[in-house]
Each structure stands twice: as C-alpha cells, then as structure tokens.
Amino acid sequence: MFLGALTPQDIAFLIGAAVGVGTFLVNWYYRRKSYRLLERVTLDKRTFDELNR
C-alpha cells in the first residue's frame, strides 16, 4: 500500500501542500470574481485597490 510506506512527516507534508494549493485556488477564484464584479460597475483601479486592502 502506498500510504504505508510514508512517514508521518511525509503525510503531513502532503496534506500541508494540498491545503496550500487549495487556499491559493480559493483566493484566486474569489479575487477574480470580485474584480469582475467591480469591473462591471466600472470602478477605477485606485478605488478597487482601496476596497481590496
């Protein structure tokens, strides 16, 4: 079995890496979604940056 050959440190690394990638994807999705929403209501870049601090 593949998981039987892994040490607890290896498993922790794999879980941490998966959580990191998941966090990146969720942040990217919602940042893109909010940018498109603000773009639709025609806010300029400066106002968008102030709202996203």
N, C-alpha and C. Protein backbone atom coordinates (compact mmCIF):
# COMPACT_ATOMS: atom_id res chain seq x y z
N MET A 1 0.84 -1.19 0.00
CA MET A 1 0.00 0.00 0.00
C MET A 1 0.88 1.24 0.00
N PHE A 2 0.51 2.21 -0.78
CA PHE A 2 1.32 3.41 -0.94
C PHE A 2 1.43 4.21 0.35
N LEU A 3 0.33 4.41 1.06
CA LEU A 3 0.37 5.22 2.28
C LEU A 3 1.15 4.54 3.39
N GLY A 4 1.26 3.23 3.35
CA GLY A 4 2.01 2.53 4.38
C GLY A 4 3.50 2.81 4.32
N ALA A 5 3.99 3.22 3.17
CA ALA A 5 5.41 3.50 3.00
C ALA A 5 5.77 4.92 3.42
N LEU A 6 4.78 5.73 3.75
CA LEU A 6 5.04 7.13 4.10
C LEU A 6 5.19 7.30 5.61
N THR A 7 6.09 8.17 5.98
CA THR A 7 6.25 8.51 7.39
C THR A 7 5.20 9.57 7.76
N PRO A 8 4.95 9.76 9.04
CA PRO A 8 4.01 10.82 9.43
C PRO A 8 4.43 12.20 8.91
N GLN A 9 5.72 12.44 8.82
CA GLN A 9 6.19 13.72 8.29
C GLN A 9 5.84 13.86 6.81
N ASP A 10 5.95 12.77 6.06
CA ASP A 10 5.59 12.80 4.65
C ASP A 10 4.10 13.07 4.47
N ILE A 11 3.29 12.42 5.28
CA ILE A 11 1.84 12.62 5.20
C ILE A 11 1.49 14.07 5.56
N ALA A 12 2.12 14.59 6.61
CA ALA A 12 1.88 15.98 7.00
C ALA A 12 2.28 16.94 5.88
N PHE A 13 3.39 16.65 5.21
CA PHE A 13 3.82 17.49 4.09
C PHE A 13 2.80 17.46 2.96
N LEU A 14 2.32 16.27 2.61
CA LEU A 14 1.35 16.15 1.52
C LEU A 14 0.04 16.87 1.85
N ILE A 15 -0.42 16.73 3.08
CA ILE A 15 -1.64 17.41 3.49
C ILE A 15 -1.42 18.92 3.48
N GLY A 16 -0.29 19.38 4.00
CA GLY A 16 0.01 20.81 4.01
C GLY A 16 0.11 21.38 2.61
N ALA A 17 0.73 20.63 1.71
CA ALA A 17 0.84 21.09 0.32
C ALA A 17 -0.54 21.17 -0.33
N ALA A 18 -1.39 20.18 -0.07
CA ALA A 18 -2.74 20.19 -0.64
C ALA A 18 -3.55 21.37 -0.09
N VAL A 19 -3.42 21.64 1.20
CA VAL A 19 -4.13 22.77 1.80
C VAL A 19 -3.61 24.08 1.21
N GLY A 20 -2.31 24.19 1.02
CA GLY A 20 -1.73 25.39 0.42
C GLY A 20 -2.24 25.63 -0.98
N VAL A 21 -2.27 24.60 -1.79
CA VAL A 21 -2.77 24.73 -3.17
C VAL A 21 -4.26 25.08 -3.15
N GLY A 22 -5.01 24.42 -2.28
CA GLY A 22 -6.44 24.72 -2.16
C GLY A 22 -6.69 26.16 -1.76
N THR A 23 -5.91 26.66 -0.81
CA THR A 23 -6.04 28.05 -0.38
C THR A 23 -5.75 29.01 -1.52
N PHE A 24 -4.69 28.72 -2.27
CA PHE A 24 -4.35 29.56 -3.42
C PHE A 24 -5.50 29.60 -4.42
N LEU A 25 -6.08 28.45 -4.73
CA LEU A 25 -7.15 28.39 -5.72
C LEU A 25 -8.41 29.12 -5.26
N VAL A 26 -8.76 28.98 -3.98
CA VAL A 26 -9.94 29.68 -3.46
C VAL A 26 -9.72 31.18 -3.49
N ASN A 27 -8.54 31.63 -3.06
CA ASN A 27 -8.23 33.06 -3.09
C ASN A 27 -8.25 33.60 -4.51
N TRP A 28 -7.69 32.86 -5.44
CA TRP A 28 -7.66 33.28 -6.84
C TRP A 28 -9.08 33.39 -7.39
N TYR A 29 -9.91 32.41 -7.09
CA TYR A 29 -11.29 32.41 -7.59
C TYR A 29 -12.06 33.62 -7.09
N TYR A 30 -12.02 33.87 -5.78
CA TYR A 30 -12.80 34.97 -5.24
C TYR A 30 -12.21 36.33 -5.57
N ARG A 31 -10.90 36.44 -5.70
CA ARG A 31 -10.29 37.71 -6.14
C ARG A 31 -10.73 38.02 -7.56
N ARG A 32 -10.71 37.02 -8.41
CA ARG A 32 -11.13 37.20 -9.80
C ARG A 32 -12.61 37.55 -9.88
N LYS A 33 -13.41 36.86 -9.06
CA LYS A 33 -14.85 37.13 -9.04
C LYS A 33 -15.14 38.56 -8.57
N SER A 34 -14.46 39.01 -7.53
CA SER A 34 -14.70 40.38 -7.04
C SER A 34 -14.19 41.41 -8.05
N TYR A 35 -13.08 41.11 -8.72
CA TYR A 35 -12.58 42.04 -9.73
C TYR A 35 -13.57 42.18 -10.88
N ARG A 36 -14.12 41.07 -11.32
CA ARG A 36 -15.10 41.13 -12.42
C ARG A 36 -16.36 41.87 -12.00
N LEU A 37 -16.79 41.68 -10.76
CA LEU A 37 -17.96 42.40 -10.27
C LEU A 37 -17.70 43.89 -10.23
N LEU A 38 -16.54 44.28 -9.70
CA LEU A 38 -16.22 45.71 -9.64
C LEU A 38 -15.99 46.30 -11.02
N GLU A 39 -15.46 45.48 -11.93
CA GLU A 39 -15.26 45.93 -13.30
C GLU A 39 -16.61 46.20 -13.97
N ARG A 40 -17.59 45.40 -13.62
CA ARG A 40 -18.91 45.55 -14.20
C ARG A 40 -19.59 46.85 -13.76
N VAL A 41 -19.28 47.29 -12.54
CA VAL A 41 -19.87 48.55 -12.07
C VAL A 41 -18.93 49.72 -12.36
N THR A 42 -17.92 49.49 -13.14
CA THR A 42 -16.96 50.48 -13.67
C THR A 42 -16.28 51.31 -12.59
N LEU A 43 -15.65 50.64 -11.65
CA LEU A 43 -14.78 51.33 -10.70
C LEU A 43 -13.38 51.41 -11.28
N ASP A 44 -12.69 52.49 -10.98
CA ASP A 44 -11.32 52.60 -11.46
C ASP A 44 -10.38 51.75 -10.59
N LYS A 45 -9.16 51.55 -11.07
CA LYS A 45 -8.21 50.67 -10.39
C LYS A 45 -7.88 51.16 -8.99
N ARG A 46 -7.77 52.46 -8.80
CA ARG A 46 -7.42 53.00 -7.48
C ARG A 46 -8.50 52.66 -6.45
N THR A 47 -9.76 52.84 -6.82
CA THR A 47 -10.86 52.52 -5.91
C THR A 47 -10.89 51.03 -5.63
N PHE A 48 -10.67 50.21 -6.64
CA PHE A 48 -10.63 48.76 -6.47
C PHE A 48 -9.54 48.37 -5.48
N ASP A 49 -8.35 48.96 -5.62
CA ASP A 49 -7.25 48.64 -4.71
C ASP A 49 -7.56 49.07 -3.28
N GLU A 50 -8.23 50.21 -3.12
CA GLU A 50 -8.59 50.67 -1.78
C GLU A 50 -9.59 49.73 -1.13
N LEU A 51 -10.53 49.21 -1.90
CA LEU A 51 -11.52 48.28 -1.36
C LEU A 51 -10.92 46.92 -1.04
N ASN A 52 -9.86 46.54 -1.72
CA ASN A 52 -9.26 45.22 -1.55
C ASN A 52 -8.08 45.19 -0.59
N ARG A 53 -7.89 46.19 0.21
CA ARG A 53 -6.79 46.19 1.16
C ARG A 53 -6.99 45.19 2.22
